[in-house]
Amino acid sequence: MTQRSVFFVSDGTGITAETLGNTLLTQFDGLEVEKTTLPFINSAERARSIVDYINFVATESGIRPLVFSTTVNDEVREILRNVNGLFLDLFDHFIHVLEAEVGQDSSHATGRAHGGANTARYNARIAAMNYTMEHDDGASMREIAKANVILIAPSRCGKTPTCLYLALQHGIYAANFPLTEDDLERQHLPKTLQGREALCFGLIIDAERLAQIRNERRPGSKYASLAQCSYELRQAQKLYERLGIPFVDSSNMSVEEIAATVMQEKNLRRQTF
C-alpha cells in the first residue's frame, strides 16, 4: 500500500489537531501514513507558505494528502482550504452549529485549548508534576496524605508513566510504590502504605511482556526471568484481591487508557489544561 502524507495544521500547538486526526486514523487498518505537525500557522503569510508546501508534497507523491486542521482564524482557514488534499477542520464542522445553538458568536481566540493563560491551573499542573516525581517508586513519604491515588505493582509494570500522565494531564497527585518480593511473599503492602489501602490502585501485566521489559534493563537475570515475573504477578493479583484493591491488566492498554481507568475507579475529577 502506498504511503499517504498526513498533516496536522494548527494556529496553536497542534495537539488538538493531532488528537482529532489520530483518533480518526485508528479506524483504518493497514493505512500507511507519514505524519507531519505544523503548529502556529497563525497568519495569512504562513498559511500560504504551508499550502505551497503541502501542494508540492501532493504533486511529488501523486497522492492527495490528508490535512487535519484546528484553525480559529477565518482568513487563515480560508487560505488552507486551497490545499490539494482532503481538508478537515474542526471549527468548520462544529463552531457555526454551536454558535447557532447557544445564540452567541465565538471569540475566535487562538491558544485557548492548550494555553497557559490561567495561571492557577498552570501552577496546579506543575505542583502535581513535582509531587509525582518526588513520590516516584516510593522515594518519599513527605506529604503522602496529599496523594489522590497511589499506584502499586511489581517493578516495571507501568506505574511511573501512568502517574506522570495523571499529573501532567489532569493535575492529579499520584504517588507510586513497588511491591517487593518480600511484600509479595508475605502478602502485605509496604509498611508505609498500610492503612492507606483506600488510596491504592494495582497494576499487573502479561508475564512474557514483563520479562521482555525487564530483560532490556537486566538481561539474563533472575529478576527478568519468566518464572520470576510470573510468580510476582500471581502474588500481586492475590494481594490486590485479598485487600480489595482495584487493579487492571495493562498489557494491551495505552497510558491514557490506564489513567482513565484509574480515574474512573477512584472517582477522580478530570481537569483539562
Protein backbone atom coordinates (compact mmCIF):
# COMPACT_ATOMS: atom_id res chain seq x y z
CA MET A 1 0.00 0.00 0.00
CA THR A 2 1.32 3.44 -0.95
CA GLN A 3 2.15 5.71 1.96
CA ARG A 4 -0.08 8.76 2.31
CA SER A 5 1.09 12.06 3.77
CA VAL A 6 -0.88 13.37 6.76
CA PHE A 7 -0.59 16.94 8.04
CA PHE A 8 -1.81 18.28 11.38
CA VAL A 9 -2.17 22.05 10.97
CA SER A 10 -2.96 24.46 13.78
CA ASP A 11 -2.66 28.08 14.80
CA GLY A 12 -1.68 26.78 18.26
CA THR A 13 0.35 23.82 19.45
CA GLY A 14 -1.20 21.26 17.11
CA ILE A 15 -2.18 18.94 19.97
CA THR A 16 -5.91 19.10 19.24
CA ALA A 17 -5.38 18.57 15.50
CA GLU A 18 -3.17 15.55 16.26
CA THR A 19 -5.75 14.12 18.65
CA LEU A 20 -8.57 14.59 16.14
CA GLY A 21 -6.62 13.17 13.21
CA ASN A 22 -5.00 10.26 15.01
CA THR A 23 -8.32 9.21 16.54
CA LEU A 24 -9.93 9.06 13.10
CA LEU A 25 -6.94 7.31 11.51
CA THR A 26 -7.02 4.47 14.06
CA GLN A 27 -10.17 3.25 12.32
CA PHE A 28 -8.31 2.43 9.09
CA ASP A 29 -6.31 -0.78 9.47
CA GLY A 30 -3.26 -1.07 7.28
CA LEU A 31 -3.27 2.56 6.16
CA GLU A 32 0.35 3.63 5.88
CA VAL A 33 0.89 7.29 6.67
CA GLU A 34 3.72 9.76 7.17
CA LYS A 35 2.65 12.34 9.73
CA THR A 36 3.80 15.95 9.98
CA THR A 37 2.66 18.52 12.54
CA LEU A 38 2.67 22.17 11.51
CA PRO A 39 1.92 24.35 14.58
CA PHE A 40 1.47 28.12 14.95
CA ILE A 41 0.11 28.74 11.46
CA ASN A 42 -1.44 32.00 12.66
CA SER A 43 -1.00 34.43 9.76
CA ALA A 44 -2.05 34.60 6.13
CA GLU A 45 1.59 34.58 5.05
CA ARG A 46 2.38 31.40 6.96
CA ALA A 47 -0.82 29.78 5.73
CA ARG A 48 0.08 30.44 2.09
CA SER A 49 3.56 29.01 2.68
CA ILE A 50 2.07 25.85 4.17
CA VAL A 51 -0.38 25.46 1.30
CA ASP A 52 2.52 25.69 -1.18
CA TYR A 53 4.45 23.05 0.76
CA ILE A 54 1.52 20.62 1.04
CA ASN A 55 0.71 21.08 -2.64
CA PHE A 56 4.34 20.32 -3.50
CA VAL A 57 4.14 17.09 -1.47
CA ALA A 58 0.92 16.17 -3.25
CA THR A 59 2.49 16.74 -6.67
CA GLU A 60 5.65 14.79 -5.83
CA SER A 61 3.79 11.79 -4.38
CA GLY A 62 0.86 11.80 -6.78
CA ILE A 63 -1.47 11.14 -3.82
CA ARG A 64 -3.64 13.75 -2.13
CA PRO A 65 -2.53 14.31 1.47
CA LEU A 66 -4.90 14.28 4.43
CA VAL A 67 -4.95 17.61 6.28
CA PHE A 68 -6.44 17.81 9.80
CA SER A 69 -6.81 21.40 10.92
CA THR A 70 -7.81 23.33 14.03
CA THR A 71 -7.52 26.94 12.96
CA VAL A 72 -9.66 29.62 14.63
CA ASN A 73 -8.85 32.49 12.25
CA ASP A 74 -11.30 32.57 9.34
CA GLU A 75 -8.79 34.14 6.92
CA VAL A 76 -6.15 31.54 7.69
CA ARG A 77 -8.67 28.70 7.35
CA GLU A 78 -9.93 30.04 4.01
CA ILE A 79 -6.37 30.00 2.65
CA LEU A 80 -5.72 26.49 3.96
CA ARG A 81 -8.79 25.20 2.14
CA ASN A 82 -6.82 25.65 -1.11
CA VAL A 83 -4.58 22.66 -0.39
CA ASN A 84 -4.53 19.88 -2.94
CA GLY A 85 -5.75 17.33 -0.43
CA LEU A 86 -8.61 16.35 1.85
CA PHE A 87 -9.01 19.28 4.25
CA LEU A 88 -10.83 18.55 7.53
CA ASP A 89 -11.13 21.39 10.02
CA LEU A 90 -12.68 21.04 13.47
CA PHE A 91 -14.03 24.60 13.50
CA ASP A 92 -15.51 24.28 10.01
CA HIS A 93 -17.68 21.41 11.17
CA PHE A 94 -18.71 22.48 14.65
CA ILE A 95 -18.26 26.16 15.53
CA HIS A 96 -21.13 27.52 13.44
CA VAL A 97 -23.52 24.85 14.71
CA LEU A 98 -22.55 25.74 18.30
CA GLU A 99 -22.95 29.47 17.68
CA ALA A 100 -26.45 28.88 16.37
CA GLU A 101 -27.38 26.64 19.27
CA VAL A 102 -26.11 28.84 22.11
CA GLY A 103 -27.08 32.12 20.43
CA GLN A 104 -23.62 33.61 20.80
CA ASP A 105 -20.71 34.30 18.47
CA SER A 106 -17.46 32.53 19.28
CA SER A 107 -14.47 34.61 20.37
CA HIS A 108 -12.17 33.30 17.60
CA ALA A 109 -9.35 33.49 20.17
CA THR A 110 -6.32 31.30 19.48
CA GLY A 111 -4.45 29.23 22.04
CA ARG A 112 -7.42 28.63 24.35
CA ALA A 113 -7.31 24.82 24.27
CA HIS A 114 -3.71 24.37 25.43
CA GLY A 115 -2.63 27.83 26.50
CA GLY A 116 -1.16 28.92 29.83
CA ALA A 117 -3.39 31.93 30.39
CA ASN A 118 -4.95 30.53 33.55
CA THR A 119 -2.06 30.85 35.99
CA ALA A 120 -3.78 28.99 38.81
CA ARG A 121 -4.47 25.94 36.63
CA TYR A 122 -0.95 26.01 35.22
CA ASN A 123 0.56 26.16 38.69
CA ALA A 124 -1.68 23.27 39.79
CA ARG A 125 -0.31 21.10 37.00
CA ILE A 126 3.31 21.95 37.85
CA ALA A 127 2.67 21.25 41.54
CA ALA A 128 1.18 17.85 40.65
CA MET A 129 4.18 17.04 38.45
CA ASN A 130 6.63 17.96 41.20
CA TYR A 131 4.69 15.87 43.71
CA THR A 132 4.59 12.85 41.42
CA MET A 133 8.30 12.99 40.63
CA GLU A 134 9.15 13.29 44.34
CA HIS A 135 6.94 10.30 45.15
CA ASP A 136 8.09 8.06 42.30
CA ASP A 137 8.93 4.45 43.19
CA GLY A 138 8.47 5.01 46.93
CA ALA A 139 11.26 7.58 47.08
CA SER A 140 9.48 9.82 49.59
CA MET A 141 6.71 9.76 52.17
CA ARG A 142 6.67 13.53 52.62
CA GLU A 143 3.09 14.79 52.38
CA ILE A 144 1.90 11.34 51.28
CA ALA A 145 -1.51 12.29 52.73
CA LYS A 146 -1.90 14.68 49.78
CA ALA A 147 -1.91 11.80 47.31
CA ASN A 148 -5.10 11.41 45.27
CA VAL A 149 -4.05 7.92 44.27
CA ILE A 150 -1.15 5.53 44.97
CA LEU A 151 -0.25 3.07 42.22
CA ILE A 152 1.29 -0.21 43.37
CA ALA A 153 2.73 -3.06 41.30
CA PRO A 154 5.79 -5.22 40.81
CA SER A 155 8.70 -3.45 39.16
CA ARG A 156 8.29 -2.31 35.52
CA CYS A 157 4.52 -2.70 35.24
CA GLY A 158 3.94 0.90 34.13
CA LYS A 159 3.48 2.80 37.39
CA THR A 160 5.72 5.77 36.60
CA PRO A 161 4.41 6.73 33.13
CA THR A 162 0.83 6.41 34.33
CA CYS A 163 1.48 8.65 37.33
CA LEU A 164 3.26 11.24 35.20
CA TYR A 165 0.36 11.28 32.73
CA LEU A 166 -2.17 11.72 35.56
CA ALA A 167 -0.17 14.64 36.92
CA LEU A 168 0.57 16.37 33.63
CA GLN A 169 -2.84 15.95 32.01
CA HIS A 170 -5.16 16.19 34.98
CA GLY A 171 -3.26 17.72 37.89
CA ILE A 172 -3.61 14.51 39.93
CA TYR A 173 -1.27 13.99 42.88
CA ALA A 174 -0.18 10.46 42.02
CA ALA A 175 2.40 8.51 44.02
CA ASN A 176 3.66 5.02 43.26
CA PHE A 177 5.34 2.24 45.21
CA PRO A 178 6.93 -1.01 44.04
CA LEU A 179 5.83 -4.31 45.50
CA THR A 180 8.99 -6.13 46.53
CA GLU A 181 9.46 -9.89 46.60
CA ASP A 182 9.15 -9.74 50.40
CA ASP A 183 5.84 -7.86 50.16
CA LEU A 184 4.52 -10.38 47.69
CA GLU A 185 5.68 -13.43 49.61
CA ARG A 186 4.16 -12.19 52.88
CA GLN A 187 1.07 -10.83 51.12
CA HIS A 188 1.16 -7.41 52.67
CA LEU A 189 1.60 -3.84 51.50
CA PRO A 190 4.84 -1.98 52.13
CA LYS A 191 4.78 -0.89 55.77
CA THR A 192 4.50 2.79 54.85
CA LEU A 193 1.27 2.11 52.91
CA GLN A 194 -0.53 0.02 55.46
CA GLY A 195 -3.73 1.79 56.42
CA ARG A 196 -3.81 3.59 53.06
CA GLU A 197 -5.44 0.78 51.09
CA ALA A 198 -8.30 3.06 50.03
CA LEU A 199 -5.87 5.20 48.04
CA CYS A 200 -4.20 2.27 46.29
CA PHE A 201 -4.69 1.03 42.75
CA GLY A 202 -2.84 -2.00 41.41
CA LEU A 203 -1.34 -2.89 38.04
CA ILE A 204 -0.47 -6.24 36.51
CA ILE A 205 0.84 -7.09 33.06
CA ASP A 206 1.37 -10.15 30.89
CA ALA A 207 4.27 -12.17 32.29
CA GLU A 208 6.05 -12.55 28.94
CA ARG A 209 5.76 -8.83 28.29
CA LEU A 210 7.14 -8.05 31.76
CA ALA A 211 10.05 -10.43 31.22
CA GLN A 212 10.83 -8.70 27.92
CA ILE A 213 10.80 -5.26 29.56
CA ARG A 214 12.99 -6.39 32.45
CA ASN A 215 15.46 -8.12 30.12
CA GLU A 216 16.08 -4.78 28.45
CA ARG A 217 17.20 -3.50 31.84
CA ARG A 218 18.92 -6.56 33.34
CA PRO A 219 19.40 -9.17 30.62
CA GLY A 220 19.68 -12.79 31.77
CA SER A 221 18.97 -12.02 35.42
CA LYS A 222 16.61 -13.86 37.79
CA TYR A 223 14.75 -10.55 38.07
CA ALA A 224 13.98 -10.72 34.34
CA SER A 225 13.22 -14.44 34.11
CA LEU A 226 9.76 -15.54 33.02
CA ALA A 227 9.41 -17.70 36.13
CA GLN A 228 10.13 -14.75 38.44
CA CYS A 229 7.81 -12.43 36.55
CA SER A 230 5.00 -15.00 36.59
CA TYR A 231 5.42 -15.54 40.32
CA GLU A 232 5.39 -11.84 41.16
CA LEU A 233 2.33 -11.17 39.04
CA ARG A 234 0.38 -14.07 40.55
CA GLN A 235 1.25 -12.90 44.04
CA ALA A 236 0.39 -9.29 43.22
CA GLN A 237 -3.06 -10.24 41.97
CA LYS A 238 -3.67 -12.34 45.10
CA LEU A 239 -2.65 -9.38 47.24
CA TYR A 240 -4.98 -6.98 45.41
CA GLU A 241 -7.89 -9.38 45.72
CA ARG A 242 -7.23 -10.12 49.39
CA LEU A 243 -7.11 -6.43 50.32
CA GLY A 244 -9.93 -5.37 48.00
CA ILE A 245 -7.62 -3.10 45.98
CA PRO A 246 -8.88 -2.43 42.43
CA PHE A 247 -6.44 -3.32 39.68
CA VAL A 248 -6.16 -3.57 35.92
CA ASP A 249 -4.17 -5.69 33.48
CA SER A 250 -2.28 -3.07 31.50
CA SER A 251 -0.82 -5.45 28.90
CA ASN A 252 -2.87 -4.14 25.98
CA MET A 253 -3.69 -0.69 27.30
CA SER A 254 -2.16 2.68 26.49
CA VAL A 255 -1.07 5.01 29.28
CA GLU A 256 -4.12 7.14 28.51
CA GLU A 257 -6.43 4.14 28.93
CA ILE A 258 -4.80 3.05 32.18
CA ALA A 259 -5.06 6.59 33.56
CA ALA A 260 -8.72 6.84 32.55
CA THR A 261 -9.44 3.54 34.29
CA VAL A 262 -7.69 4.71 37.47
CA MET A 263 -9.61 7.98 37.48
CA GLN A 264 -12.95 6.27 36.92
CA GLU A 265 -12.34 3.66 39.62
CA LYS A 266 -11.15 6.24 42.15
CA ASN A 267 -13.76 8.87 41.20
CA LEU A 268 -11.05 11.42 40.47
CA ARG A 269 -12.19 14.62 38.82
CA ARG A 270 -10.73 15.31 35.41
CA GLN A 271 -9.00 18.62 34.90
CA THR A 272 -8.08 19.90 31.48
CA PHE A 273 -5.23 22.31 30.85
